[in-house]
């Protein structure tokens, strides 16, 4: 069902869980287009504050009376099916739409939609491209899976033809989209509880690539990505570090141990010198993809270089909370062994005396599936703490525990709760160390607790 059929005659839309990172940008876009938007959530947050400042009514309780005279209900898969607002909407036969499908329908309204997908790096790359276009005043509509500090939000409504959109492969959500340009950063074995095998993941990305109406930008350094687009009847443009890539980074160096600098080439022609504002070798490829996409949106070499240098990271993507009593605290969304390895490699190159890795495994199925990978990747840290697994809705039918991971890593500790971890770190951290929390759950709360504790103690 296309948008014109779904929203025909609709003027009032209610969002259940409006403060979510994937919900608030959609609410803002629809609000900017003249719809009367309301929402509810169970947590106060920056996103809720932003919605209210836009004039959107948000309730911090969830009750059937919040529905009011809404004509359409937007929800996410994270919302409990027994949520009173959803149950009431079903009872009175109000139409409902899942967030991912609504996002897909919105992408159809922008002629120049860039959808950025990949197992790793999509939030950072989407943020990089958004930063370039915003600073260059292209006025894009933006949808990002993390907070972009430039706008202090996960998204915003613009007035141009351009939409920049993070495209998530989880449960094939990105197949609802209509991109002009499909970007594939990399493909790894993830979400196997849904896909089953890596081959199925690759097949899904192939379907995503085939949605592009203009071209597909793909990482030529990643064999799975190249496999996904092989023989596809689309215009394929490659990026990477190999000399055969259409867009490539050459003469790569690192300043301060981990901040990439390189010469960017478009085919055989020098395009620009790039100096990144975020650390990590993996961000070189992310930035090349962002640069190529920005060029197609109309950005100049100068605007691209300026935007990439000014970009200092997205929320929860190697996000520095600060230095407290000479101990630095940072937080990262890394929740897959490949991401953990890349994040720790970056951290180790930044010159700290030692690096703490505090990891919260997310879901029992993922922990069991990637158990050996977690052991191997986390072993790169100097000091390792594993918290309890955040099971989400899962039951532990896998007989897996955080203590089992810690027992496989020399010197690692299993400490169940964030409060206990914060106490331990504040008593044992020394000046010059980096404390890095990682995980796909709510481990960012642990980072904040650690920072608060460190502020109040005398570090040795």
Foldseek 3Di string as FASTA:
>chain_A
DAPCVVCVVFQEEEEEACQALLRLLLQQQVVVVRGQYEYEAQDDDPSVVVCVVSVHHYYNDFACCSCPPGQEYEYEPLDDCVRRNNVVCVVVVRHYDYSLLSVQNVLVQAPAEEEEEEPPDLQVLLLLLVLLCVVVPVFEWEAHNFAFVVVRGRTHHGDHSYYRYYAYCQVLSNLSHQHQEYEYLEADDPPCVRQVDSVSSLCSVLSNQLSHNAAYEYEPVYPSRCVSCPPPPGHYAYEEDDLQHQWHWPPWDDDLQFWIWTFIDRNPHTFETATALEGFPSVVSSLSRSLVSSVVVPGGSVSSRVSRNPRNDTPQCQAWPQAALQETETGHADAALVSLLRVLSRVVRNQFPFEEEEEAHEALVRCLVCVVSCLVSNLSGPEYEYEWHHRSPDDNPPPDTSVVSQVSHPRYYYDHDLLRVLVVCLAPPARRYYYYYYHNDVCVVSSVSNRVSSNVDNHD
